[in-house]
Amino acid sequence: GLALVFLLYNIIKQLLPSLGLQRIVSIVVLPSALLMVFGRFDDFTVFLDTVALELGNIRLSALFLIKAAIFGAILFWLGRQSNAAGQNAIRSQEALDVGMQELVSKIFQIILFIAIGIVFLQVLGIDLTALAVLGGAVGVGLGFGLQQIAANFISGMIILFERSLTIGDFIEMEDGKSGILKEINMRSTTLETFDGKEVM
């Protein structure tokens, strides 16, 4: 059993290019495998579940927090890798112009991270219906407190959909600053002036 764990650890370490994932394997996977070899894994998980902090109806156990940290790190890494691969694939489509590439890539990014968030909540066993009321309250609070950010976000979406501006356009603003449009994001647009400065 120990030889198998050691072999598995070295194989995973060679296959994982990310230093962060290698640390997760060293800290989490290897000790878990050793506990399984000695038949103590179930006892250890039960012990972690008993170490908990209770605040009213909310119960946060050590097992839950560890699971959240592990799956959160893994899903975040997978999300970053998938986002980078998807962005490269979308931007390599020559049939789409630059504005449409940016629009599709932003929509893909939003859908991807929403899906990852839902999967993360499902893995942790959190009832999504219980978050509906909380999400509504947070939405109302954001509507009152972050009106300007929401307006900028919607304006960015409108610019991307209408394609009235595209990357590479020459822009001159009312204050006299001018330059080339470098990047169009959801909430802001970056203008690169001819003296090397970036105006957001």
N, C-alpha and C. Protein backbone atom coordinates (compact mmCIF):
# COMPACT_ATOMS: atom_id res chain seq x y z
N GLY A 1 0.81 -1.20 0.00
CA GLY A 1 0.00 0.00 0.00
C GLY A 1 0.85 1.26 0.00
N LEU A 2 1.87 1.29 0.84
CA LEU A 2 2.75 2.46 0.90
C LEU A 2 3.49 2.64 -0.42
N ALA A 3 3.92 1.53 -1.01
CA ALA A 3 4.62 1.62 -2.30
C ALA A 3 3.69 2.16 -3.38
N LEU A 4 2.42 1.74 -3.35
CA LEU A 4 1.46 2.22 -4.33
C LEU A 4 1.19 3.71 -4.16
N VAL A 5 1.07 4.16 -2.91
CA VAL A 5 0.86 5.58 -2.64
C VAL A 5 2.06 6.39 -3.12
N PHE A 6 3.26 5.92 -2.85
CA PHE A 6 4.47 6.62 -3.27
C PHE A 6 4.55 6.69 -4.80
N LEU A 7 4.20 5.58 -5.48
CA LEU A 7 4.22 5.56 -6.94
C LEU A 7 3.19 6.53 -7.50
N LEU A 8 1.98 6.51 -6.93
CA LEU A 8 0.92 7.40 -7.39
C LEU A 8 1.31 8.86 -7.19
N TYR A 9 1.92 9.18 -6.07
CA TYR A 9 2.34 10.55 -5.79
C TYR A 9 3.35 11.04 -6.82
N ASN A 10 4.32 10.22 -7.16
CA ASN A 10 5.33 10.63 -8.13
C ASN A 10 4.76 10.78 -9.54
N ILE A 11 3.81 9.91 -9.88
CA ILE A 11 3.19 10.01 -11.20
C ILE A 11 2.41 11.32 -11.30
N ILE A 12 1.60 11.62 -10.27
CA ILE A 12 0.81 12.86 -10.28
C ILE A 12 1.71 14.07 -10.29
N LYS A 13 2.79 14.03 -9.54
CA LYS A 13 3.72 15.16 -9.48
C LYS A 13 4.37 15.42 -10.83
N GLN A 14 4.65 14.36 -11.59
CA GLN A 14 5.24 14.53 -12.91
C GLN A 14 4.24 15.06 -13.92
N LEU A 15 2.96 14.67 -13.76
CA LEU A 15 1.95 15.06 -14.74
C LEU A 15 1.40 16.45 -14.51
N LEU A 16 1.47 16.95 -13.27
CA LEU A 16 0.91 18.26 -12.95
C LEU A 16 1.95 19.35 -13.16
N PRO A 17 1.71 20.25 -14.12
CA PRO A 17 2.68 21.33 -14.34
C PRO A 17 2.57 22.45 -13.32
N SER A 18 1.40 22.58 -12.71
CA SER A 18 1.17 23.69 -11.81
C SER A 18 1.76 23.40 -10.43
N LEU A 19 2.52 24.37 -9.91
CA LEU A 19 3.10 24.21 -8.58
C LEU A 19 2.03 24.21 -7.51
N GLY A 20 0.95 24.99 -7.72
CA GLY A 20 -0.13 25.03 -6.75
C GLY A 20 -0.82 23.69 -6.62
N LEU A 21 -1.08 23.02 -7.76
CA LEU A 21 -1.71 21.69 -7.71
C LEU A 21 -0.78 20.67 -7.09
N GLN A 22 0.52 20.80 -7.32
CA GLN A 22 1.47 19.89 -6.68
C GLN A 22 1.44 20.04 -5.16
N ARG A 23 1.27 21.26 -4.68
CA ARG A 23 1.17 21.48 -3.23
C ARG A 23 -0.11 20.88 -2.68
N ILE A 24 -1.21 21.00 -3.44
CA ILE A 24 -2.47 20.40 -3.00
C ILE A 24 -2.32 18.89 -2.89
N VAL A 25 -1.65 18.29 -3.87
CA VAL A 25 -1.42 16.84 -3.82
C VAL A 25 -0.58 16.48 -2.61
N SER A 26 0.46 17.27 -2.34
CA SER A 26 1.34 16.97 -1.22
C SER A 26 0.64 17.13 0.13
N ILE A 27 -0.22 18.15 0.23
CA ILE A 27 -0.85 18.46 1.51
C ILE A 27 -2.11 17.64 1.75
N VAL A 28 -2.86 17.35 0.68
CA VAL A 28 -4.18 16.74 0.82
C VAL A 28 -4.20 15.29 0.34
N VAL A 29 -3.83 15.09 -0.93
CA VAL A 29 -4.00 13.77 -1.54
C VAL A 29 -3.11 12.73 -0.89
N LEU A 30 -1.85 13.06 -0.67
CA LEU A 30 -0.92 12.08 -0.09
C LEU A 30 -1.30 11.68 1.33
N PRO A 31 -1.59 12.62 2.25
CA PRO A 31 -2.04 12.19 3.59
C PRO A 31 -3.34 11.40 3.55
N SER A 32 -4.27 11.77 2.67
CA SER A 32 -5.52 11.02 2.57
C SER A 32 -5.27 9.59 2.12
N ALA A 33 -4.38 9.44 1.13
CA ALA A 33 -4.05 8.10 0.66
C ALA A 33 -3.39 7.27 1.77
N LEU A 34 -2.54 7.89 2.56
CA LEU A 34 -1.90 7.17 3.67
C LEU A 34 -2.93 6.76 4.71
N LEU A 35 -3.89 7.62 4.99
CA LEU A 35 -4.95 7.26 5.94
C LEU A 35 -5.78 6.10 5.42
N MET A 36 -6.03 6.07 4.11
CA MET A 36 -6.76 4.96 3.52
C MET A 36 -5.97 3.65 3.64
N VAL A 37 -4.66 3.74 3.44
CA VAL A 37 -3.83 2.53 3.55
C VAL A 37 -3.91 1.93 4.94
N PHE A 38 -3.91 2.78 5.96
CA PHE A 38 -3.96 2.29 7.34
C PHE A 38 -5.39 2.16 7.87
N GLY A 39 -6.39 2.39 7.01
CA GLY A 39 -7.77 2.19 7.40
C GLY A 39 -8.31 3.21 8.39
N ARG A 40 -7.77 4.42 8.37
CA ARG A 40 -8.19 5.46 9.32
C ARG A 40 -8.86 6.64 8.65
N PHE A 41 -9.13 6.54 7.35
CA PHE A 41 -9.67 7.70 6.63
C PHE A 41 -11.07 8.06 7.12
N ASP A 42 -11.93 7.05 7.27
CA ASP A 42 -13.30 7.32 7.71
C ASP A 42 -13.33 7.92 9.12
N ASP A 43 -12.49 7.37 10.00
CA ASP A 43 -12.44 7.91 11.37
C ASP A 43 -11.97 9.36 11.37
N PHE A 44 -11.02 9.68 10.51
CA PHE A 44 -10.48 11.04 10.46
C PHE A 44 -11.54 12.02 9.92
N THR A 45 -12.30 11.60 8.89
CA THR A 45 -13.34 12.49 8.36
C THR A 45 -14.45 12.70 9.39
N VAL A 46 -14.78 11.67 10.14
CA VAL A 46 -15.80 11.84 11.19
C VAL A 46 -15.31 12.81 12.25
N PHE A 47 -14.02 12.71 12.60
CA PHE A 47 -13.45 13.63 13.59
C PHE A 47 -13.48 15.07 13.08
N LEU A 48 -13.15 15.28 11.80
CA LEU A 48 -13.18 16.63 11.24
C LEU A 48 -14.59 17.18 11.20
N ASP A 49 -15.57 16.31 11.01
CA ASP A 49 -16.96 16.77 10.98
C ASP A 49 -17.46 17.17 12.37
N THR A 50 -16.87 16.60 13.40
CA THR A 50 -17.29 16.96 14.77
C THR A 50 -16.71 18.29 15.21
N VAL A 51 -15.59 18.70 14.61
CA VAL A 51 -14.99 20.01 14.93
C VAL A 51 -15.74 21.07 14.12
N ALA A 52 -16.69 21.74 14.75
CA ALA A 52 -17.57 22.64 14.00
C ALA A 52 -17.86 23.89 14.81
N LEU A 53 -18.22 24.93 14.08
CA LEU A 53 -18.64 26.20 14.66
C LEU A 53 -20.10 26.42 14.26
N GLU A 54 -20.97 26.60 15.23
CA GLU A 54 -22.40 26.75 14.97
C GLU A 54 -22.83 28.18 15.30
N LEU A 55 -23.45 28.82 14.30
CA LEU A 55 -23.98 30.16 14.46
C LEU A 55 -25.46 30.12 14.07
N GLY A 56 -26.33 29.93 15.04
CA GLY A 56 -27.75 29.79 14.75
C GLY A 56 -28.01 28.51 13.98
N ASN A 57 -28.58 28.65 12.78
CA ASN A 57 -28.84 27.48 11.94
C ASN A 57 -27.67 27.12 11.03
N ILE A 58 -26.62 27.92 11.10
CA ILE A 58 -25.46 27.68 10.25
C ILE A 58 -24.42 26.86 11.02
N ARG A 59 -23.96 25.79 10.38
CA ARG A 59 -22.95 24.93 10.99
C ARG A 59 -21.77 24.80 10.02
N LEU A 60 -20.63 25.25 10.48
CA LEU A 60 -19.40 25.19 9.68
C LEU A 60 -18.44 24.22 10.35
N SER A 61 -18.27 23.07 9.73
CA SER A 61 -17.35 22.08 10.28
C SER A 61 -16.00 22.19 9.58
N ALA A 62 -14.99 21.62 10.21
CA ALA A 62 -13.65 21.63 9.61
C ALA A 62 -13.65 20.84 8.31
N LEU A 63 -14.44 19.76 8.26
CA LEU A 63 -14.52 18.96 7.04
C LEU A 63 -15.11 19.78 5.89
N PHE A 64 -16.17 20.55 6.19
CA PHE A 64 -16.80 21.38 5.17
C PHE A 64 -15.83 22.44 4.65
N LEU A 65 -15.10 23.09 5.54
CA LEU A 65 -14.16 24.14 5.12
C LEU A 65 -13.02 23.57 4.29
N ILE A 66 -12.54 22.37 4.68
CA ILE A 66 -11.46 21.74 3.91
C ILE A 66 -11.96 21.37 2.51
N LYS A 67 -13.16 20.79 2.45
CA LYS A 67 -13.74 20.45 1.15
C LYS A 67 -13.92 21.70 0.29
N ALA A 68 -14.39 22.78 0.91
CA ALA A 68 -14.59 24.02 0.17
C ALA A 68 -13.26 24.55 -0.38
N ALA A 69 -12.21 24.50 0.43
CA ALA A 69 -10.90 24.99 -0.02
C ALA A 69 -10.34 24.13 -1.14
N ILE A 70 -10.46 22.80 -1.00
CA ILE A 70 -9.89 21.89 -2.00
C ILE A 70 -10.63 22.02 -3.33
N PHE A 71 -11.97 21.85 -3.28
CA PHE A 71 -12.74 21.91 -4.52
C PHE A 71 -12.73 23.31 -5.12
N GLY A 72 -12.69 24.35 -4.26
CA GLY A 72 -12.61 25.70 -4.77
C GLY A 72 -11.32 25.93 -5.54
N ALA A 73 -10.20 25.45 -5.00
CA ALA A 73 -8.91 25.61 -5.69
C ALA A 73 -8.89 24.84 -7.00
N ILE A 74 -9.41 23.61 -6.98
CA ILE A 74 -9.40 22.79 -8.20
C ILE A 74 -10.30 23.41 -9.27
N LEU A 75 -11.52 23.81 -8.87
CA LEU A 75 -12.44 24.38 -9.85
C LEU A 75 -11.94 25.73 -10.36
N PHE A 76 -11.29 26.52 -9.48
CA PHE A 76 -10.74 27.80 -9.92
C PHE A 76 -9.63 27.58 -10.94
N TRP A 77 -8.79 26.58 -10.70
CA TRP A 77 -7.71 26.28 -11.65
C TRP A 77 -8.29 25.79 -12.98
N LEU A 78 -9.29 24.89 -12.89
CA LEU A 78 -9.91 24.39 -14.12
C LEU A 78 -10.61 25.54 -14.87
N GLY A 79 -11.23 26.45 -14.11
CA GLY A 79 -11.88 27.59 -14.75
C GLY A 79 -10.90 28.48 -15.48
N ARG A 80 -9.76 28.74 -14.87
CA ARG A 80 -8.75 29.58 -15.52
C ARG A 80 -8.23 28.92 -16.78
N GLN A 81 -7.94 27.60 -16.69
CA GLN A 81 -7.42 26.90 -17.86
C GLN A 81 -8.46 26.85 -18.98
N SER A 82 -9.71 26.56 -18.62
CA SER A 82 -10.77 26.49 -19.62
C SER A 82 -11.02 27.86 -20.24
N ASN A 83 -10.98 28.90 -19.41
CA ASN A 83 -11.19 30.25 -19.92
C ASN A 83 -10.09 30.65 -20.90
N ALA A 84 -8.84 30.35 -20.53
CA ALA A 84 -7.73 30.69 -21.43
C ALA A 84 -7.84 29.94 -22.75
N ALA A 85 -8.18 28.63 -22.68
CA ALA A 85 -8.31 27.84 -23.90
C ALA A 85 -9.47 28.33 -24.75
N GLY A 86 -10.60 28.65 -24.10
CA GLY A 86 -11.75 29.14 -24.84
C GLY A 86 -11.49 30.50 -25.48
N GLN A 87 -10.83 31.39 -24.74
CA GLN A 87 -10.52 32.72 -25.29
C GLN A 87 -9.61 32.60 -26.51
N ASN A 88 -8.61 31.73 -26.43
CA ASN A 88 -7.70 31.55 -27.57
C ASN A 88 -8.43 30.96 -28.77
N ALA A 89 -9.34 30.00 -28.49
CA ALA A 89 -10.08 29.38 -29.59
C ALA A 89 -11.01 30.39 -30.25
N ILE A 90 -11.65 31.23 -29.46
CA ILE A 90 -12.57 32.23 -30.03
C ILE A 90 -11.81 33.28 -30.81
N ARG A 91 -10.70 33.76 -30.27
CA ARG A 91 -9.94 34.82 -30.94
C ARG A 91 -9.21 34.30 -32.18
N SER A 92 -9.10 32.99 -32.33
CA SER A 92 -8.44 32.44 -33.52
C SER A 92 -9.42 32.24 -34.68
N GLN A 93 -10.71 32.53 -34.46
CA GLN A 93 -11.70 32.39 -35.52
C GLN A 93 -11.63 33.60 -36.44
N GLU A 94 -11.06 33.40 -37.61
CA GLU A 94 -10.88 34.51 -38.56
C GLU A 94 -12.20 34.96 -39.17
N ALA A 95 -13.23 34.10 -39.10
CA ALA A 95 -14.52 34.47 -39.67
C ALA A 95 -15.20 35.58 -38.87
N LEU A 96 -14.80 35.74 -37.60
CA LEU A 96 -15.38 36.77 -36.75
C LEU A 96 -14.46 37.99 -36.72
N ASP A 97 -15.06 39.18 -36.78
CA ASP A 97 -14.24 40.37 -36.65
C ASP A 97 -13.85 40.57 -35.19
N VAL A 98 -13.03 41.58 -34.94
CA VAL A 98 -12.47 41.76 -33.60
C VAL A 98 -13.56 42.04 -32.58
N GLY A 99 -14.54 42.88 -32.94
CA GLY A 99 -15.61 43.21 -32.00
C GLY A 99 -16.44 42.00 -31.63
N MET A 100 -16.78 41.16 -32.63
CA MET A 100 -17.56 39.97 -32.36
C MET A 100 -16.76 38.97 -31.54
N GLN A 101 -15.46 38.87 -31.79
CA GLN A 101 -14.62 37.99 -30.98
C GLN A 101 -14.64 38.40 -29.52
N GLU A 102 -14.54 39.70 -29.26
CA GLU A 102 -14.57 40.19 -27.89
C GLU A 102 -15.92 39.90 -27.24
N LEU A 103 -16.99 40.10 -27.99
CA LEU A 103 -18.33 39.87 -27.46
C LEU A 103 -18.52 38.40 -27.10
N VAL A 104 -18.17 37.51 -28.02
CA VAL A 104 -18.35 36.07 -27.77
C VAL A 104 -17.46 35.61 -26.62
N SER A 105 -16.24 36.13 -26.56
CA SER A 105 -15.33 35.72 -25.49
C SER A 105 -15.83 36.16 -24.12
N LYS A 106 -16.41 37.37 -24.04
CA LYS A 106 -16.93 37.84 -22.75
C LYS A 106 -18.15 37.03 -22.32
N ILE A 107 -19.05 36.73 -23.28
CA ILE A 107 -20.21 35.90 -22.96
C ILE A 107 -19.77 34.51 -22.51
N PHE A 108 -18.78 33.96 -23.19
CA PHE A 108 -18.25 32.65 -22.81
C PHE A 108 -17.66 32.69 -21.40
N GLN A 109 -16.96 33.75 -21.07
CA GLN A 109 -16.36 33.88 -19.76
C GLN A 109 -17.42 33.95 -18.66
N ILE A 110 -18.48 34.71 -18.89
CA ILE A 110 -19.55 34.84 -17.90
C ILE A 110 -20.24 33.49 -17.69
N ILE A 111 -20.61 32.81 -18.80
CA ILE A 111 -21.30 31.52 -18.68
C ILE A 111 -20.42 30.49 -17.99
N LEU A 112 -19.12 30.50 -18.31
CA LEU A 112 -18.20 29.53 -17.71
C LEU A 112 -18.12 29.68 -16.20
N PHE A 113 -17.93 30.90 -15.72
CA PHE A 113 -17.76 31.09 -14.28
C PHE A 113 -19.08 30.94 -13.52
N ILE A 114 -20.21 31.23 -14.16
CA ILE A 114 -21.49 30.94 -13.53
C ILE A 114 -21.66 29.44 -13.36
N ALA A 115 -21.31 28.68 -14.41
CA ALA A 115 -21.41 27.22 -14.34
C ALA A 115 -20.48 26.66 -13.27
N ILE A 116 -19.26 27.19 -13.18
CA ILE A 116 -18.32 26.71 -12.16
C ILE A 116 -18.85 27.02 -10.77
N GLY A 117 -19.44 28.20 -10.59
CA GLY A 117 -20.01 28.54 -9.29
C GLY A 117 -21.14 27.61 -8.90
N ILE A 118 -22.01 27.25 -9.86
CA ILE A 118 -23.10 26.32 -9.57
C ILE A 118 -22.56 24.94 -9.22
N VAL A 119 -21.57 24.47 -9.98
CA VAL A 119 -20.96 23.17 -9.68
C VAL A 119 -20.32 23.18 -8.30
N PHE A 120 -19.66 24.27 -7.96
CA PHE A 120 -19.00 24.38 -6.65
C PHE A 120 -20.02 24.28 -5.52
N LEU A 121 -21.15 24.97 -5.66
CA LEU A 121 -22.19 24.90 -4.63
C LEU A 121 -22.80 23.52 -4.55
N GLN A 122 -22.96 22.86 -5.70
CA GLN A 122 -23.52 21.51 -5.70
C GLN A 122 -22.57 20.52 -5.05
N VAL A 123 -21.27 20.66 -5.32
CA VAL A 123 -20.29 19.76 -4.71
C VAL A 123 -20.29 19.89 -3.19
N LEU A 124 -20.46 21.10 -2.70
CA LEU A 124 -20.49 21.32 -1.25
C LEU A 124 -21.82 20.93 -0.63
N GLY A 125 -22.80 20.59 -1.46
CA GLY A 125 -24.10 20.18 -0.93
C GLY A 125 -24.96 21.33 -0.47
N ILE A 126 -24.73 22.52 -1.00
CA ILE A 126 -25.52 23.70 -0.62
C ILE A 126 -26.77 23.76 -1.49
N ASP A 127 -27.92 23.89 -0.85
CA ASP A 127 -29.19 23.96 -1.57
C ASP A 127 -29.29 25.30 -2.28
N LEU A 128 -29.39 25.24 -3.62
CA LEU A 128 -29.41 26.47 -4.40
C LEU A 128 -30.70 27.26 -4.18
N THR A 129 -31.81 26.56 -3.87
CA THR A 129 -33.06 27.27 -3.64
C THR A 129 -32.98 28.13 -2.39
N ALA A 130 -32.14 27.71 -1.42
CA ALA A 130 -32.01 28.50 -0.20
C ALA A 130 -31.28 29.81 -0.45
N LEU A 131 -30.54 29.87 -1.57
CA LEU A 131 -29.81 31.09 -1.88
C LEU A 131 -30.63 32.07 -2.71
N ALA A 132 -31.84 31.68 -3.10
CA ALA A 132 -32.65 32.55 -3.95
C ALA A 132 -33.02 33.84 -3.22
N VAL A 133 -33.48 33.70 -1.97
CA VAL A 133 -33.87 34.89 -1.21
C VAL A 133 -32.65 35.76 -0.93
N LEU A 134 -31.54 35.11 -0.56
CA LEU A 134 -30.32 35.86 -0.31
C LEU A 134 -29.84 36.58 -1.57
N GLY A 135 -29.94 35.89 -2.71
CA GLY A 135 -29.53 36.51 -3.97
C GLY A 135 -30.40 37.70 -4.32
N GLY A 136 -31.71 37.60 -4.02
CA GLY A 136 -32.59 38.73 -4.27
C GLY A 136 -32.25 39.93 -3.41
N ALA A 137 -31.95 39.66 -2.13
CA ALA A 137 -31.59 40.75 -1.22
C ALA A 137 -30.27 41.40 -1.66
N VAL A 138 -29.31 40.56 -2.04
CA VAL A 138 -28.03 41.10 -2.50
C VAL A 138 -28.22 41.91 -3.78
N GLY A 139 -29.12 41.43 -4.67
CA GLY A 139 -29.38 42.17 -5.90
C GLY A 139 -29.97 43.53 -5.65
N VAL A 140 -30.89 43.62 -4.68
CA VAL A 140 -31.47 44.91 -4.34
C VAL A 140 -30.39 45.84 -3.76
N GLY A 141 -29.55 45.28 -2.89
CA GLY A 141 -28.48 46.09 -2.31
C GLY A 141 -27.50 46.59 -3.35
N LEU A 142 -27.16 45.71 -4.30
CA LEU A 142 -26.26 46.13 -5.38
C LEU A 142 -26.92 47.20 -6.25
N GLY A 143 -28.24 47.06 -6.46
CA GLY A 143 -28.95 48.04 -7.29
C GLY A 143 -28.89 49.43 -6.70
N PHE A 144 -28.97 49.52 -5.36
CA PHE A 144 -28.93 50.84 -4.72
C PHE A 144 -27.50 51.34 -4.53
N GLY A 145 -26.61 50.45 -4.14
CA GLY A 145 -25.27 50.88 -3.76
C GLY A 145 -24.27 50.93 -4.91
N LEU A 146 -24.51 50.15 -5.95
CA LEU A 146 -23.54 50.06 -7.04
C LEU A 146 -24.18 50.42 -8.38
N GLN A 147 -24.95 51.50 -8.36
CA GLN A 147 -25.66 51.88 -9.58
C GLN A 147 -24.70 52.25 -10.70
N GLN A 148 -23.63 52.96 -10.36
CA GLN A 148 -22.70 53.40 -11.39
C GLN A 148 -21.97 52.22 -12.02
N ILE A 149 -21.56 51.26 -11.17
CA ILE A 149 -20.88 50.07 -11.69
C ILE A 149 -21.82 49.28 -12.58
N ALA A 150 -23.08 49.12 -12.14
CA ALA A 150 -24.06 48.40 -12.96
C ALA A 150 -24.30 49.12 -14.28
N ALA A 151 -24.37 50.45 -14.22
CA ALA A 151 -24.56 51.22 -15.46
C ALA A 151 -23.38 51.05 -16.40
N ASN A 152 -22.17 51.07 -15.86
CA ASN A 152 -20.98 50.87 -16.69
C ASN A 152 -20.98 49.47 -17.31
N PHE A 153 -21.41 48.48 -16.52
CA PHE A 153 -21.45 47.10 -17.00
C PHE A 153 -22.42 46.97 -18.17
N ILE A 154 -23.63 47.53 -17.99
CA ILE A 154 -24.62 47.45 -19.06
C ILE A 154 -24.16 48.24 -20.28
N SER A 155 -23.54 49.39 -20.06
CA SER A 155 -23.03 50.18 -21.19
C SER A 155 -21.96 49.41 -21.95
N GLY A 156 -21.10 48.70 -21.22
CA GLY A 156 -20.09 47.88 -21.89
C GLY A 156 -20.72 46.79 -22.73
N MET A 157 -21.78 46.15 -22.21
CA MET A 157 -22.48 45.12 -22.98
C MET A 157 -23.10 45.72 -24.24
N ILE A 158 -23.69 46.92 -24.12
CA ILE A 158 -24.32 47.57 -25.27
C ILE A 158 -23.27 47.88 -26.34
N ILE A 159 -22.11 48.38 -25.90
CA ILE A 159 -21.04 48.68 -26.86
C ILE A 159 -20.59 47.42 -27.58
N LEU A 160 -20.48 46.32 -26.84
CA LEU A 160 -20.05 45.06 -27.46
C LEU A 160 -21.10 44.53 -28.42
N PHE A 161 -22.38 44.65 -28.04
CA PHE A 161 -23.44 44.15 -28.91
C PHE A 161 -23.60 45.01 -30.16
N GLU A 162 -23.58 46.34 -29.98
CA GLU A 162 -23.78 47.23 -31.12
C GLU A 162 -22.55 47.28 -32.02
N ARG A 163 -21.40 47.00 -31.46
CA ARG A 163 -20.13 47.05 -32.19
C ARG A 163 -19.90 48.43 -32.80
N SER A 164 -20.32 49.46 -32.03
CA SER A 164 -20.06 50.83 -32.50
C SER A 164 -18.59 51.20 -32.35
N LEU A 165 -17.89 50.51 -31.46
CA LEU A 165 -16.45 50.69 -31.30
C LEU A 165 -15.77 49.33 -31.45
N THR A 166 -14.62 49.33 -32.08
CA THR A 166 -13.84 48.10 -32.22
C THR A 166 -12.39 48.39 -31.85
N ILE A 167 -11.69 47.34 -31.47
CA ILE A 167 -10.28 47.48 -31.11
C ILE A 167 -9.48 47.94 -32.33
N GLY A 168 -8.64 48.94 -32.12
CA GLY A 168 -7.85 49.51 -33.21
C GLY A 168 -8.40 50.83 -33.72
N ASP A 169 -9.61 51.23 -33.25
CA ASP A 169 -10.19 52.51 -33.67
C ASP A 169 -9.41 53.67 -33.07
N PHE A 170 -9.34 54.75 -33.83
CA PHE A 170 -8.76 55.99 -33.31
C PHE A 170 -9.86 56.76 -32.58
N ILE A 171 -9.58 57.11 -31.31
CA ILE A 171 -10.56 57.79 -30.47
C ILE A 171 -9.98 59.12 -30.00
N GLU A 172 -10.78 60.18 -30.11
CA GLU A 172 -10.41 61.47 -29.55
C GLU A 172 -11.52 61.90 -28.59
N MET A 173 -11.16 62.15 -27.33
CA MET A 173 -12.14 62.49 -26.31
C MET A 173 -12.32 64.00 -26.21
N GLU A 174 -13.32 64.40 -25.39
CA GLU A 174 -13.66 65.82 -25.29
C GLU A 174 -12.54 66.64 -24.66
N ASP A 175 -11.74 66.01 -23.79
CA ASP A 175 -10.67 66.76 -23.13
C ASP A 175 -9.42 66.85 -23.99
N GLY A 176 -9.47 66.36 -25.22
CA GLY A 176 -8.33 66.47 -26.12
C GLY A 176 -7.45 65.25 -26.17
N LYS A 177 -7.62 64.31 -25.23
CA LYS A 177 -6.82 63.10 -25.26
C LYS A 177 -7.25 62.21 -26.43
N SER A 178 -6.28 61.63 -27.09
CA SER A 178 -6.59 60.78 -28.24
C SER A 178 -5.66 59.58 -28.24
N GLY A 179 -6.06 58.55 -28.93
CA GLY A 179 -5.24 57.35 -29.02
C GLY A 179 -5.98 56.24 -29.72
N ILE A 180 -5.44 55.04 -29.57
CA ILE A 180 -5.99 53.85 -30.23
C ILE A 180 -6.71 53.00 -29.18
N LEU A 181 -7.89 52.52 -29.53
CA LEU A 181 -8.65 51.67 -28.62
C LEU A 181 -7.94 50.33 -28.47
N LYS A 182 -7.53 50.03 -27.25
CA LYS A 182 -6.71 48.85 -27.01
C LYS A 182 -7.52 47.65 -26.53
N GLU A 183 -8.51 47.90 -25.67
CA GLU A 183 -9.23 46.79 -25.06
C GLU A 183 -10.64 47.23 -24.68
N ILE A 184 -11.62 46.36 -24.93
CA ILE A 184 -13.00 46.62 -24.53
C ILE A 184 -13.41 45.55 -23.53
N ASN A 185 -13.67 45.97 -22.30
CA ASN A 185 -14.10 45.05 -21.26
C ASN A 185 -15.55 45.30 -20.92
N MET A 186 -16.08 44.49 -19.99
CA MET A 186 -17.47 44.63 -19.60
C MET A 186 -17.75 45.97 -18.92
N ARG A 187 -16.81 46.43 -18.09
CA ARG A 187 -17.07 47.61 -17.28
C ARG A 187 -16.24 48.81 -17.69
N SER A 188 -15.27 48.63 -18.53
CA SER A 188 -14.40 49.74 -18.90
C SER A 188 -13.79 49.48 -20.27
N THR A 189 -13.28 50.54 -20.86
CA THR A 189 -12.60 50.47 -22.15
C THR A 189 -11.25 51.17 -22.01
N THR A 190 -10.21 50.58 -22.55
CA THR A 190 -8.86 51.10 -22.41
C THR A 190 -8.41 51.75 -23.70
N LEU A 191 -7.94 52.99 -23.56
CA LEU A 191 -7.43 53.76 -24.69
C LEU A 191 -5.93 53.96 -24.50
N GLU A 192 -5.16 53.61 -25.49
CA GLU A 192 -3.70 53.78 -25.42
C GLU A 192 -3.32 55.02 -26.23
N THR A 193 -2.79 56.02 -25.53
CA THR A 193 -2.40 57.27 -26.19
C THR A 193 -1.08 57.09 -26.93
N PHE A 194 -0.74 58.06 -27.74
CA PHE A 194 0.46 57.93 -28.57
C PHE A 194 1.76 58.14 -27.78
N ASP A 195 1.64 58.66 -26.55
CA ASP A 195 2.84 58.78 -25.72
C ASP A 195 2.98 57.59 -24.75
N GLY A 196 2.23 56.50 -25.00
CA GLY A 196 2.42 55.27 -24.23
C GLY A 196 1.56 55.17 -22.99
N LYS A 197 0.68 56.13 -22.73
CA LYS A 197 -0.16 56.06 -21.54
C LYS A 197 -1.47 55.33 -21.87
N GLU A 198 -2.05 54.75 -20.81
CA GLU A 198 -3.32 54.06 -20.96
C GLU A 198 -4.39 54.81 -20.19
N VAL A 199 -5.49 55.13 -20.86
CA VAL A 199 -6.61 55.85 -20.24
C VAL A 199 -7.80 54.88 -20.18
N MET A 200 -8.36 54.75 -18.97
CA MET A 200 -9.48 53.84 -18.80
C MET A 200 -10.80 54.63 -18.79
